[in-house]
PDB file of N, CA and C in Angstrom:
ATOM      1  N   MET A   1      -3.616 -39.779   6.359  1.00  0.00           N
ATOM      2  CA  MET A   1      -4.402 -38.573   6.321  1.00  0.00           C
ATOM      3  C   MET A   1      -3.997 -37.622   7.447  1.00  0.00           C
ATOM      4  N   ARG A   2      -3.734 -38.160   8.627  1.00  0.00           N
ATOM      5  CA  ARG A   2      -3.364 -37.331   9.761  1.00  0.00           C
ATOM      6  C   ARG A   2      -2.037 -36.603   9.494  1.00  0.00           C
ATOM      7  N   LYS A   3      -1.081 -37.303   8.849  1.00  0.00           N
ATOM      8  CA  LYS A   3       0.205 -36.698   8.525  1.00  0.00           C
ATOM      9  C   LYS A   3       0.018 -35.537   7.537  1.00  0.00           C
ATOM     10  N   PHE A   4      -0.867 -35.726   6.554  1.00  0.00           N
ATOM     11  CA  PHE A   4      -1.135 -34.683   5.570  1.00  0.00           C
ATOM     12  C   PHE A   4      -1.708 -33.434   6.253  1.00  0.00           C
ATOM     13  N   LEU A   5      -2.647 -33.623   7.175  1.00  0.00           N
ATOM     14  CA  LEU A   5      -3.235 -32.487   7.890  1.00  0.00           C
ATOM     15  C   LEU A   5      -2.191 -31.760   8.730  1.00  0.00           C
ATOM     16  N   SER A   6      -1.289 -32.529   9.321  1.00  0.00           N
ATOM     17  CA  SER A   6      -0.234 -31.924  10.123  1.00  0.00           C
ATOM     18  C   SER A   6       0.680 -31.071   9.263  1.00  0.00           C
ATOM     19  N   ILE A   7       1.044 -31.568   8.092  1.00  0.00           N
ATOM     20  CA  ILE A   7       1.904 -30.815   7.174  1.00  0.00           C
ATOM     21  C   ILE A   7       1.172 -29.574   6.679  1.00  0.00           C
ATOM     22  N   ALA A   8      -0.101 -29.709   6.335  1.00  0.00           N
ATOM     23  CA  ALA A   8      -0.883 -28.564   5.846  1.00  0.00           C
ATOM     24  C   ALA A   8      -1.001 -27.500   6.932  1.00  0.00           C
ATOM     25  N   PHE A   9      -1.233 -27.904   8.187  1.00  0.00           N
ATOM     26  CA  PHE A   9      -1.334 -26.953   9.283  1.00  0.00           C
ATOM     27  C   PHE A   9       0.001 -26.241   9.503  1.00  0.00           C
ATOM     28  N   SER A  10       1.102 -27.000   9.446  1.00  0.00           N
ATOM     29  CA  SER A  10       2.429 -26.393   9.609  1.00  0.00           C
ATOM     30  C   SER A  10       2.699 -25.383   8.516  1.00  0.00           C
ATOM     31  N   LEU A  11       2.343 -25.713   7.292  1.00  0.00           N
ATOM     32  CA  LEU A  11       2.549 -24.797   6.173  1.00  0.00           C
ATOM     33  C   LEU A  11       1.711 -23.537   6.358  1.00  0.00           C
ATOM     34  N   ALA A  12       0.471 -23.693   6.782  1.00  0.00           N
ATOM     35  CA  ALA A  12      -0.388 -22.526   7.012  1.00  0.00           C
ATOM     36  C   ALA A  12       0.181 -21.647   8.114  1.00  0.00           C
ATOM     37  N   LEU A  13       0.729 -22.257   9.151  1.00  0.00           N
ATOM     38  CA  LEU A  13       1.312 -21.500  10.247  1.00  0.00           C
ATOM     39  C   LEU A  13       2.518 -20.700   9.760  1.00  0.00           C
ATOM     40  N   VAL A  14       3.381 -21.309   8.961  1.00  0.00           N
ATOM     41  CA  VAL A  14       4.551 -20.617   8.420  1.00  0.00           C
ATOM     42  C   VAL A  14       4.121 -19.465   7.520  1.00  0.00           C
ATOM     43  N   LEU A  15       3.137 -19.688   6.661  1.00  0.00           N
ATOM     44  CA  LEU A  15       2.653 -18.621   5.792  1.00  0.00           C
ATOM     45  C   LEU A  15       2.057 -17.480   6.609  1.00  0.00           C
ATOM     46  N   GLY A  16       1.351 -17.791   7.676  1.00  0.00           N
ATOM     47  CA  GLY A  16       0.780 -16.759   8.534  1.00  0.00           C
ATOM     48  C   GLY A  16       1.852 -15.925   9.202  1.00  0.00           C
ATOM     49  N   ILE A  17       2.920 -16.555   9.640  1.00  0.00           N
ATOM     50  CA  ILE A  17       4.032 -15.835  10.266  1.00  0.00           C
ATOM     51  C   ILE A  17       4.726 -14.946   9.246  1.00  0.00           C
ATOM     52  N   THR A  18       4.889 -15.454   8.028  1.00  0.00           N
ATOM     53  CA  THR A  18       5.546 -14.673   6.973  1.00  0.00           C
ATOM     54  C   THR A  18       4.731 -13.424   6.643  1.00  0.00           C
ATOM     55  N   VAL A  19       3.429 -13.579   6.498  1.00  0.00           N
ATOM     56  CA  VAL A  19       2.561 -12.431   6.200  1.00  0.00           C
ATOM     57  C   VAL A  19       2.608 -11.429   7.341  1.00  0.00           C
ATOM     58  N   SER A  20       2.579 -11.916   8.560  1.00  0.00           N
ATOM     59  CA  SER A  20       2.636 -11.041   9.719  1.00  0.00           C
ATOM     60  C   SER A  20       3.945 -10.260   9.761  1.00  0.00           C
ATOM     61  N   ALA A  21       5.053 -10.926   9.476  1.00  0.00           N
ATOM     62  CA  ALA A  21       6.353 -10.252   9.503  1.00  0.00           C
ATOM     63  C   ALA A  21       6.444  -9.194   8.411  1.00  0.00           C
ATOM     64  N   GLN A  22       5.875  -9.482   7.242  1.00  0.00           N
ATOM     65  CA  GLN A  22       5.931  -8.509   6.155  1.00  0.00           C
ATOM     66  C   GLN A  22       5.061  -7.293   6.446  1.00  0.00           C
ATOM     67  N   SER A  23       3.989  -7.465   7.177  1.00  0.00           N
ATOM     68  CA  SER A  23       3.107  -6.327   7.431  1.00  0.00           C
ATOM     69  C   SER A  23       3.735  -5.332   8.392  1.00  0.00           C
ATOM     70  N   GLN A  24       4.806  -5.704   9.080  1.00  0.00           N
ATOM     71  CA  GLN A  24       5.473  -4.806   9.997  1.00  0.00           C
ATOM     72  C   GLN A  24       6.448  -3.879   9.278  1.00  0.00           C
ATOM     73  N   GLN A  25       6.742  -4.158   8.012  1.00  0.00           N
ATOM     74  CA  GLN A  25       7.634  -3.285   7.260  1.00  0.00           C
ATOM     75  C   GLN A  25       6.877  -2.057   6.786  1.00  0.00           C
ATOM     76  N   ARG A  26       7.572  -0.940   6.770  1.00  0.00           N
ATOM     77  CA  ARG A  26       6.988   0.290   6.242  1.00  0.00           C
ATOM     78  C   ARG A  26       8.092   1.133   5.625  1.00  0.00           C
ATOM     79  N   VAL A  27       7.711   2.106   4.844  1.00  0.00           N
ATOM     80  CA  VAL A  27       8.678   2.973   4.186  1.00  0.00           C
ATOM     81  C   VAL A  27       8.834   4.241   5.010  1.00  0.00           C
ATOM     82  N   LEU A  28      10.072   4.532   5.347  1.00  0.00           N
ATOM     83  CA  LEU A  28      10.397   5.750   6.083  1.00  0.00           C
ATOM     84  C   LEU A  28      10.956   6.762   5.085  1.00  0.00           C
ATOM     85  N   ARG A  29      10.406   7.958   5.101  1.00  0.00           N
ATOM     86  CA  ARG A  29      10.863   9.021   4.208  1.00  0.00           C
ATOM     87  C   ARG A  29      11.352  10.190   5.065  1.00  0.00           C
ATOM     88  N   GLY A  30      12.394  10.858   4.579  1.00  0.00           N
ATOM     89  CA  GLY A  30      12.899  11.995   5.328  1.00  0.00           C
ATOM     90  C   GLY A  30      13.777  12.883   4.487  1.00  0.00           C
ATOM     91  N   LYS A  31      14.326  13.897   5.117  1.00  0.00           N
ATOM     92  CA  LYS A  31      15.203  14.847   4.446  1.00  0.00           C
ATOM     93  C   LYS A  31      16.338  15.174   5.399  1.00  0.00           C
ATOM     94  N   VAL A  32      17.569  15.122   4.893  1.00  0.00           N
ATOM     95  CA  VAL A  32      18.751  15.441   5.691  1.00  0.00           C
ATOM     96  C   VAL A  32      19.168  16.868   5.353  1.00  0.00           C
ATOM     97  N   THR A  33      19.260  17.701   6.399  1.00  0.00           N
ATOM     98  CA  THR A  33      19.649  19.098   6.213  1.00  0.00           C
ATOM     99  C   THR A  33      20.775  19.461   7.176  1.00  0.00           C
ATOM    100  N   ALA A  34      21.502  20.493   6.839  1.00  0.00           N
ATOM    101  CA  ALA A  34      22.572  20.994   7.702  1.00  0.00           C
ATOM    102  C   ALA A  34      21.966  21.752   8.872  1.00  0.00           C
ATOM    103  N   SER A  35      22.532  21.548  10.052  1.00  0.00           N
ATOM    104  CA  SER A  35      21.992  22.230  11.234  1.00  0.00           C
ATOM    105  C   SER A  35      22.321  23.722  11.229  1.00  0.00           C
ATOM    106  N   THR A  36      23.376  24.100  10.514  1.00  0.00           N
ATOM    107  CA  THR A  36      23.794  25.504  10.528  1.00  0.00           C
ATOM    108  C   THR A  36      22.922  26.406   9.664  1.00  0.00           C
ATOM    109  N   ASP A  37      22.610  25.952   8.448  1.00  0.00           N
ATOM    110  CA  ASP A  37      21.859  26.814   7.534  1.00  0.00           C
ATOM    111  C   ASP A  37      20.582  26.175   6.981  1.00  0.00           C
ATOM    112  N   GLY A  38      20.311  24.903   7.327  1.00  0.00           N
ATOM    113  CA  GLY A  38      19.092  24.251   6.870  1.00  0.00           C
ATOM    114  C   GLY A  38      19.104  23.787   5.424  1.00  0.00           C
ATOM    115  N   LEU A  39      20.259  23.891   4.761  1.00  0.00           N
ATOM    116  CA  LEU A  39      20.336  23.454   3.366  1.00  0.00           C
ATOM    117  C   LEU A  39      20.384  21.927   3.283  1.00  0.00           C
ATOM    118  N   ALA A  40      19.817  21.400   2.200  1.00  0.00           N
ATOM    119  CA  ALA A  40      19.782  19.961   1.976  1.00  0.00           C
ATOM    120  C   ALA A  40      21.195  19.420   1.763  1.00  0.00           C
ATOM    121  N   ILE A  41      21.413  18.166   2.214  1.00  0.00           N
ATOM    122  CA  ILE A  41      22.719  17.523   2.037  1.00  0.00           C
ATOM    123  C   ILE A  41      22.529  16.298   1.139  1.00  0.00           C
ATOM    124  N   PRO A  42      22.944  16.401  -0.130  1.00  0.00           N
ATOM    125  CA  PRO A  42      22.860  15.243  -1.025  1.00  0.00           C
ATOM    126  C   PRO A  42      24.028  14.281  -0.777  1.00  0.00           C
ATOM    127  N   GLY A  43      23.804  13.004  -1.095  1.00  0.00           N
ATOM    128  CA  GLY A  43      24.877  12.019  -1.005  1.00  0.00           C
ATOM    129  C   GLY A  43      25.116  11.423   0.372  1.00  0.00           C
ATOM    130  N   VAL A  44      24.194  11.627   1.307  1.00  0.00           N
ATOM    131  CA  VAL A  44      24.312  11.010   2.628  1.00  0.00           C
ATOM    132  C   VAL A  44      23.889   9.545   2.496  1.00  0.00           C
ATOM    133  N   THR A  45      24.673   8.636   3.049  1.00  0.00           N
ATOM    134  CA  THR A  45      24.348   7.219   3.023  1.00  0.00           C
ATOM    135  C   THR A  45      23.544   6.864   4.272  1.00  0.00           C
ATOM    136  N   ILE A  46      22.437   6.144   4.065  1.00  0.00           N
ATOM    137  CA  ILE A  46      21.618   5.669   5.176  1.00  0.00           C
ATOM    138  C   ILE A  46      21.636   4.149   5.109  1.00  0.00           C
ATOM    139  N   LEU A  47      22.119   3.497   6.172  1.00  0.00           N
ATOM    140  CA  LEU A  47      22.234   2.041   6.221  1.00  0.00           C
ATOM    141  C   LEU A  47      21.378   1.498   7.352  1.00  0.00           C
ATOM    142  N   ASP A  48      20.578   0.480   7.045  1.00  0.00           N
ATOM    143  CA  ASP A  48      19.816  -0.226   8.074  1.00  0.00           C
ATOM    144  C   ASP A  48      20.683  -1.388   8.555  1.00  0.00           C
ATOM    145  N   LYS A  49      21.215  -1.267   9.755  1.00  0.00           N
ATOM    146  CA  LYS A  49      22.134  -2.278  10.289  1.00  0.00           C
ATOM    147  C   LYS A  49      21.461  -3.624  10.516  1.00  0.00           C
ATOM    148  N   SER A  50      20.157  -3.641  10.727  1.00  0.00           N
ATOM    149  CA  SER A  50      19.476  -4.898  11.038  1.00  0.00           C
ATOM    150  C   SER A  50      19.376  -5.833   9.839  1.00  0.00           C
ATOM    151  N   ASN A  51      19.317  -5.299   8.618  1.00  0.00           N
ATOM    152  CA  ASN A  51      19.233  -6.175   7.444  1.00  0.00           C
ATOM    153  C   ASN A  51      20.211  -5.789   6.330  1.00  0.00           C
ATOM    154  N   GLN A  52      21.141  -4.895   6.621  1.00  0.00           N
ATOM    155  CA  GLN A  52      22.196  -4.503   5.687  1.00  0.00           C
ATOM    156  C   GLN A  52      21.664  -3.960   4.353  1.00  0.00           C
ATOM    157  N   THR A  53      20.570  -3.217   4.400  1.00  0.00           N
ATOM    158  CA  THR A  53      20.089  -2.519   3.208  1.00  0.00           C
ATOM    159  C   THR A  53      20.371  -1.039   3.392  1.00  0.00           C
ATOM    160  N   GLY A  54      20.381  -0.316   2.288  1.00  0.00           N
ATOM    161  CA  GLY A  54      20.676   1.100   2.409  1.00  0.00           C
ATOM    162  C   GLY A  54      20.197   1.905   1.238  1.00  0.00           C
ATOM    163  N   THR A  55      20.403   3.207   1.358  1.00  0.00           N
ATOM    164  CA  THR A  55      20.036   4.142   0.316  1.00  0.00           C
ATOM    165  C   THR A  55      20.893   5.395   0.490  1.00  0.00           C
ATOM    166  N   THR A  56      20.757   6.338  -0.419  1.00  0.00           N
ATOM    167  CA  THR A  56      21.449   7.620  -0.294  1.00  0.00           C
ATOM    168  C   THR A  56      20.445   8.744  -0.539  1.00  0.00           C
ATOM    169  N   THR A  57      20.769   9.925  -0.026  1.00  0.00           N
ATOM    170  CA  THR A  57      19.898  11.067  -0.256  1.00  0.00           C
ATOM    171  C   THR A  57      20.077  11.580  -1.674  1.00  0.00           C
ATOM    172  N   ASN A  58      19.001  12.120  -2.240  1.00  0.00           N
ATOM    173  CA  ASN A  58      19.069  12.684  -3.587  1.00  0.00           C
ATOM    174  C   ASN A  58      19.590  14.124  -3.531  1.00  0.00           C
ATOM    175  N   VAL A  59      19.531  14.828  -4.635  1.00  0.00           N
ATOM    176  CA  VAL A  59      20.071  16.191  -4.687  1.00  0.00           C
ATOM    177  C   VAL A  59      19.333  17.158  -3.765  1.00  0.00           C
ATOM    178  N   ASP A  60      18.104  16.809  -3.373  1.00  0.00           N
ATOM    179  CA  ASP A  60      17.327  17.644  -2.458  1.00  0.00           C
ATOM    180  C   ASP A  60      17.446  17.177  -1.009  1.00  0.00           C
ATOM    181  N   GLY A  61      18.353  16.198  -0.750  1.00  0.00           N
ATOM    182  CA  GLY A  61      18.557  15.683   0.602  1.00  0.00           C
ATOM    183  C   GLY A  61      17.491  14.700   1.059  1.00  0.00           C
ATOM    184  N   GLU A  62      16.617  14.291   0.155  1.00  0.00           N
ATOM    185  CA  GLU A  62      15.508  13.402   0.509  1.00  0.00           C
ATOM    186  C   GLU A  62      15.887  11.938   0.334  1.00  0.00           C
ATOM    187  N   TYR A  63      15.273  11.074   1.156  1.00  0.00           N
ATOM    188  CA  TYR A  63      15.519   9.638   1.061  1.00  0.00           C
ATOM    189  C   TYR A  63      14.268   8.879   1.440  1.00  0.00           C
ATOM    190  N   SER A  64      14.216   7.606   1.055  1.00  0.00           N
ATOM    191  CA  SER A  64      13.184   6.684   1.526  1.00  0.00           C
ATOM    192  C   SER A  64      13.837   5.317   1.663  1.00  0.00           C
ATOM    193  N   ILE A  65      13.448   4.589   2.713  1.00  0.00           N
ATOM    194  CA  ILE A  65      14.025   3.282   2.999  1.00  0.00           C
ATOM    195  C   ILE A  65      12.975   2.430   3.702  1.00  0.00           C
ATOM    196  N   SER A  66      12.920   1.149   3.358  1.00  0.00           N
ATOM    197  CA  SER A  66      12.015   0.208   4.037  1.00  0.00           C
ATOM    198  C   SER A  66      12.614  -0.161   5.390  1.00  0.00           C
ATOM    199  N   VAL A  67      11.805  -0.055   6.432  1.00  0.00           N
ATOM    200  CA  VAL A  67      12.271  -0.341   7.789  1.00  0.00           C
ATOM    201  C   VAL A  67      11.281  -1.253   8.504  1.00  0.00           C
ATOM    202  N   THR A  68      11.730  -1.859   9.593  1.00  0.00           N
ATOM    203  CA  THR A  68      10.878  -2.638  10.482  1.00  0.00           C
ATOM    204  C   THR A  68      10.963  -2.008  11.867  1.00  0.00           C
ATOM    205  N   ASP A  69      10.256  -2.601  12.819  1.00  0.00           N
ATOM    206  CA  ASP A  69      10.285  -2.092  14.194  1.00  0.00           C
ATOM    207  C   ASP A  69      11.668  -2.231  14.817  1.00  0.00           C
ATOM    208  N   ARG A  70      12.477  -3.144  14.298  1.00  0.00           N
ATOM    209  CA  ARG A  70      13.807  -3.400  14.857  1.00  0.00           C
ATOM    210  C   ARG A  70      14.940  -2.712  14.079  1.00  0.00           C
ATOM    211  N   SER A  71      14.616  -1.899  13.111  1.00  0.00           N
ATOM    212  CA  SER A  71      15.639  -1.245  12.289  1.00  0.00           C
ATOM    213  C   SER A  71      16.479  -0.269  13.115  1.00  0.00           C
ATOM    214  N   VAL A  72      17.755  -0.246  12.819  1.00  0.00           N
ATOM    215  CA  VAL A  72      18.679   0.740  13.390  1.00  0.00           C
ATOM    216  C   VAL A  72      19.353   1.415  12.205  1.00  0.00           C
ATOM    217  N   LEU A  73      19.081   2.696  12.024  1.00  0.00           N
ATOM    218  CA  LEU A  73      19.618   3.416  10.887  1.00  0.00           C
ATOM    219  C   LEU A  73      20.898   4.156  11.263  1.00  0.00           C
ATOM    220  N   VAL A  74      21.867   4.085  10.346  1.00  0.00           N
ATOM    221  CA  VAL A  74      23.140   4.782  10.523  1.00  0.00           C
ATOM    222  C   VAL A  74      23.293   5.733   9.337  1.00  0.00           C
ATOM    223  N   PHE A  75      23.484   7.014   9.633  1.00  0.00           N
ATOM    224  CA  PHE A  75      23.683   8.027   8.606  1.00  0.00           C
ATOM    225  C   PHE A  75      25.154   8.361   8.548  1.00  0.00           C
ATOM    226  N   SER A  76      25.711   8.407   7.330  1.00  0.00           N
ATOM    227  CA  SER A  76      27.111   8.787   7.177  1.00  0.00           C
ATOM    228  C   SER A  76      27.294   9.678   5.957  1.00  0.00           C
ATOM    229  N   PHE A  77      28.293  10.553   6.057  1.00  0.00           N
ATOM    230  CA  PHE A  77      28.562  11.495   4.972  1.00  0.00           C
ATOM    231  C   PHE A  77      30.029  11.843   4.964  1.00  0.00           C
ATOM    232  N   ILE A  78      30.627  11.790   3.790  1.00  0.00           N
ATOM    233  CA  ILE A  78      32.026  12.204   3.632  1.00  0.00           C
ATOM    234  C   ILE A  78      32.017  13.361   2.664  1.00  0.00           C
ATOM    235  N   GLY A  79      32.482  14.505   3.116  1.00  0.00           N
ATOM    236  CA  GLY A  79      32.493  15.619   2.205  1.00  0.00           C
ATOM    237  C   GLY A  79      32.897  16.907   2.871  1.00  0.00           C
TER     238      GLY A  79
END
């Protein structure tokens, strides 16, 4: 019985940590524009180096990406 309680407590602890880690994620939204004229820049790649996920800006220069407190975003554009 003691072993079962120990396993159940360990499982609860892991689940608690997982829920806590997920609650730190949030969606970051933004718009990439040119500094010279303020026009939107479509096709910019945004990469989160911490978890290797990414997205690109739409035709209006807008993007959204899930980030954490440790995210490091890299913006790149060829054009």
